[in-house]
Amino acid sequence: MFKNITYVIFLCFCISAKAQKLNKEDLYADAICRLHKIQLQASYLNSSDTLYIIPNDRNIKIKKINMISNDFPQLKIGESSPIYILNTMEFHSKKVCVLFNICQLIQESNTKRRIVSSGCFIFYYKVKKGRYYYYSYKDYGI
């Protein structure tokens, strides 16, 4: 009997952990879609352009989204391209922040690249009953 109860508790814990992981992936996907929409509305991107999102941590899992790439762009010497570095989400009491660093990738030679940061986007979510609810964003630049 004790083994059965322990097994059921273990299964509930595993299901809860899996649901939290899926929630984080959904949260990152939501923040990426909002960033893409903001860039389109501000005319920084065309609807046919690719948005380059580079995770800052290997533990960050991003769902596949059209028009978004998780790899560095292929550039020729002297070319540059905007990229966004996705940082690990931060938890503050009942709030969650998803931070994107705005950067410019510059190809200086065949083997040398330079990344220059110029600001950030921060998306804020409230946590209610185990779900994330978007409520605002801020952008900071140099």
Protein backbone atom coordinates (compact mmCIF):
# COMPACT_ATOMS: atom_id res chain seq x y z
CA MET A 1 0.00 0.00 0.00
CA PHE A 2 2.78 2.43 0.91
CA LYS A 3 4.53 1.68 -2.41
CA ASN A 4 1.36 2.49 -4.35
CA ILE A 5 0.87 5.81 -2.57
CA THR A 6 4.52 6.72 -3.10
CA TYR A 7 4.24 5.80 -6.79
CA VAL A 8 1.14 7.99 -7.28
CA ILE A 9 2.80 10.95 -5.54
CA PHE A 10 5.89 10.49 -7.73
CA LEU A 11 3.73 10.44 -10.89
CA CYS A 12 1.94 13.64 -9.83
CA PHE A 13 5.28 15.32 -9.23
CA CYS A 14 6.55 14.27 -12.69
CA ILE A 15 3.39 15.51 -14.40
CA SER A 16 3.63 18.83 -12.56
CA ALA A 17 7.30 19.24 -13.54
CA LYS A 18 6.48 18.50 -17.18
CA ALA A 19 3.61 21.03 -17.15
CA GLN A 20 5.91 23.71 -15.73
CA LYS A 21 8.47 23.02 -18.47
CA LEU A 22 5.79 23.35 -21.15
CA ASN A 23 4.60 26.56 -19.55
CA LYS A 24 8.11 28.03 -19.79
CA GLU A 25 8.37 27.08 -23.47
CA ASP A 26 4.98 28.72 -24.08
CA LEU A 27 6.10 31.81 -22.18
CA TYR A 28 9.28 32.15 -24.27
CA ALA A 29 7.25 31.63 -27.46
CA ASP A 30 4.75 34.29 -26.39
CA ALA A 31 7.52 36.80 -25.62
CA ILE A 32 9.21 36.09 -28.98
CA CYS A 33 5.93 36.60 -30.87
CA ARG A 34 5.33 39.87 -29.03
CA LEU A 35 8.88 41.06 -29.83
CA HIS A 36 8.37 40.15 -33.49
CA LYS A 37 5.07 42.06 -33.58
CA ILE A 38 6.67 45.14 -31.96
CA GLN A 39 9.51 45.09 -34.51
CA LEU A 40 7.04 44.82 -37.40
CA GLN A 41 4.87 47.68 -36.10
CA ALA A 42 7.93 49.93 -35.65
CA SER A 43 9.06 49.06 -39.22
CA TYR A 44 12.39 47.69 -37.99
CA LEU A 45 11.52 44.43 -39.74
CA ASN A 46 9.65 43.62 -42.92
CA SER A 47 7.19 40.76 -42.87
CA SER A 48 9.64 38.71 -44.98
CA ASP A 49 12.67 39.35 -42.70
CA THR A 50 14.01 36.78 -40.26
CA LEU A 51 14.22 37.62 -36.56
CA TYR A 52 17.38 36.11 -35.05
CA ILE A 53 16.83 34.97 -31.45
CA ILE A 54 19.92 33.46 -29.79
CA PRO A 55 19.38 31.75 -26.40
CA ASN A 56 21.93 32.84 -23.78
CA ASP A 57 21.63 29.52 -21.94
CA ARG A 58 21.53 25.96 -23.28
CA ASN A 59 18.63 25.16 -20.94
CA ILE A 60 16.34 27.60 -22.75
CA LYS A 61 14.05 25.65 -25.07
CA ILE A 62 12.30 27.60 -27.81
CA LYS A 63 9.43 26.30 -29.90
CA LYS A 64 9.82 26.43 -33.67
CA ILE A 65 8.19 29.60 -34.97
CA ASN A 66 8.07 30.73 -38.61
CA MET A 67 10.28 33.71 -39.52
CA ILE A 68 12.48 33.16 -36.45
CA SER A 69 15.92 31.57 -36.42
CA ASN A 70 17.92 30.36 -33.41
CA ASP A 71 21.23 30.43 -35.31
CA PHE A 72 23.61 33.25 -36.06
CA PRO A 73 23.03 34.82 -39.50
CA GLN A 74 25.51 34.10 -42.30
CA LEU A 75 27.30 37.34 -43.10
CA LYS A 76 30.02 38.50 -45.47
CA ILE A 77 33.01 40.52 -44.26
CA GLY A 78 31.89 44.03 -43.31
CA GLU A 79 28.19 43.15 -43.07
CA SER A 80 26.13 43.38 -39.92
CA SER A 81 22.76 42.12 -38.76
CA PRO A 82 20.58 42.72 -35.71
CA ILE A 83 20.21 39.80 -33.31
CA TYR A 84 18.37 39.39 -30.03
CA ILE A 85 19.93 37.43 -27.18
CA LEU A 86 17.28 35.71 -25.05
CA ASN A 87 18.23 35.53 -21.37
CA THR A 88 16.90 33.11 -18.77
CA MET A 89 13.62 34.34 -17.30
CA GLU A 90 13.78 36.02 -13.90
CA PHE A 91 11.25 35.43 -11.14
CA HIS A 92 10.30 38.27 -8.77
CA SER A 93 7.62 37.28 -6.21
CA LYS A 94 4.52 36.90 -8.44
CA LYS A 95 6.09 38.39 -11.56
CA VAL A 96 8.21 36.91 -14.32
CA CYS A 97 10.51 38.91 -16.60
CA VAL A 98 11.72 37.75 -20.02
CA LEU A 99 14.69 39.82 -21.20
CA PHE A 100 16.03 40.22 -24.75
CA ASN A 101 19.33 42.03 -25.33
CA ILE A 102 19.30 44.00 -28.58
CA CYS A 103 22.63 43.44 -30.34
CA GLN A 104 24.33 44.03 -33.65
CA LEU A 105 26.42 41.18 -35.05
CA ILE A 106 29.35 42.44 -37.16
CA GLN A 107 31.46 40.13 -39.34
CA GLU A 108 34.96 41.66 -39.18
CA SER A 109 36.88 38.87 -40.94
CA ASN A 110 36.41 35.23 -41.91
CA THR A 111 37.00 34.11 -38.32
CA LYS A 112 36.17 37.17 -36.22
CA ARG A 113 32.71 38.41 -35.23
CA ARG A 114 31.83 41.22 -32.88
CA ILE A 115 28.59 41.57 -30.94
CA VAL A 116 27.68 45.09 -29.85
CA SER A 117 24.79 45.53 -27.41
CA SER A 118 22.54 48.54 -27.79
CA GLY A 119 19.65 47.98 -25.39
CA CYS A 120 17.05 45.51 -24.22
CA PHE A 121 13.38 44.57 -24.24
CA ILE A 122 11.82 43.32 -21.02
CA PHE A 123 8.44 41.56 -21.08
CA TYR A 124 6.56 41.31 -17.79
CA TYR A 125 4.14 38.54 -16.88
CA LYS A 126 2.06 38.02 -13.74
CA VAL A 127 1.71 34.58 -12.23
CA LYS A 128 -1.86 33.67 -11.24
CA LYS A 129 -3.01 30.15 -10.41
CA GLY A 130 0.02 28.57 -12.06
CA ARG A 131 -0.38 30.48 -15.35
CA TYR A 132 1.46 33.42 -16.86
CA TYR A 133 -0.44 36.56 -17.92
CA TYR A 134 1.28 39.24 -20.00
CA TYR A 135 0.79 42.77 -18.71
CA SER A 136 3.51 45.09 -20.11
CA TYR A 137 6.91 45.55 -21.70
CA LYS A 138 9.67 48.13 -21.57
CA ASP A 139 12.44 48.85 -24.01
CA TYR A 140 15.71 50.46 -23.10
CA GLY A 141 18.33 51.68 -25.54
CA ILE A 142 21.56 53.56 -25.68
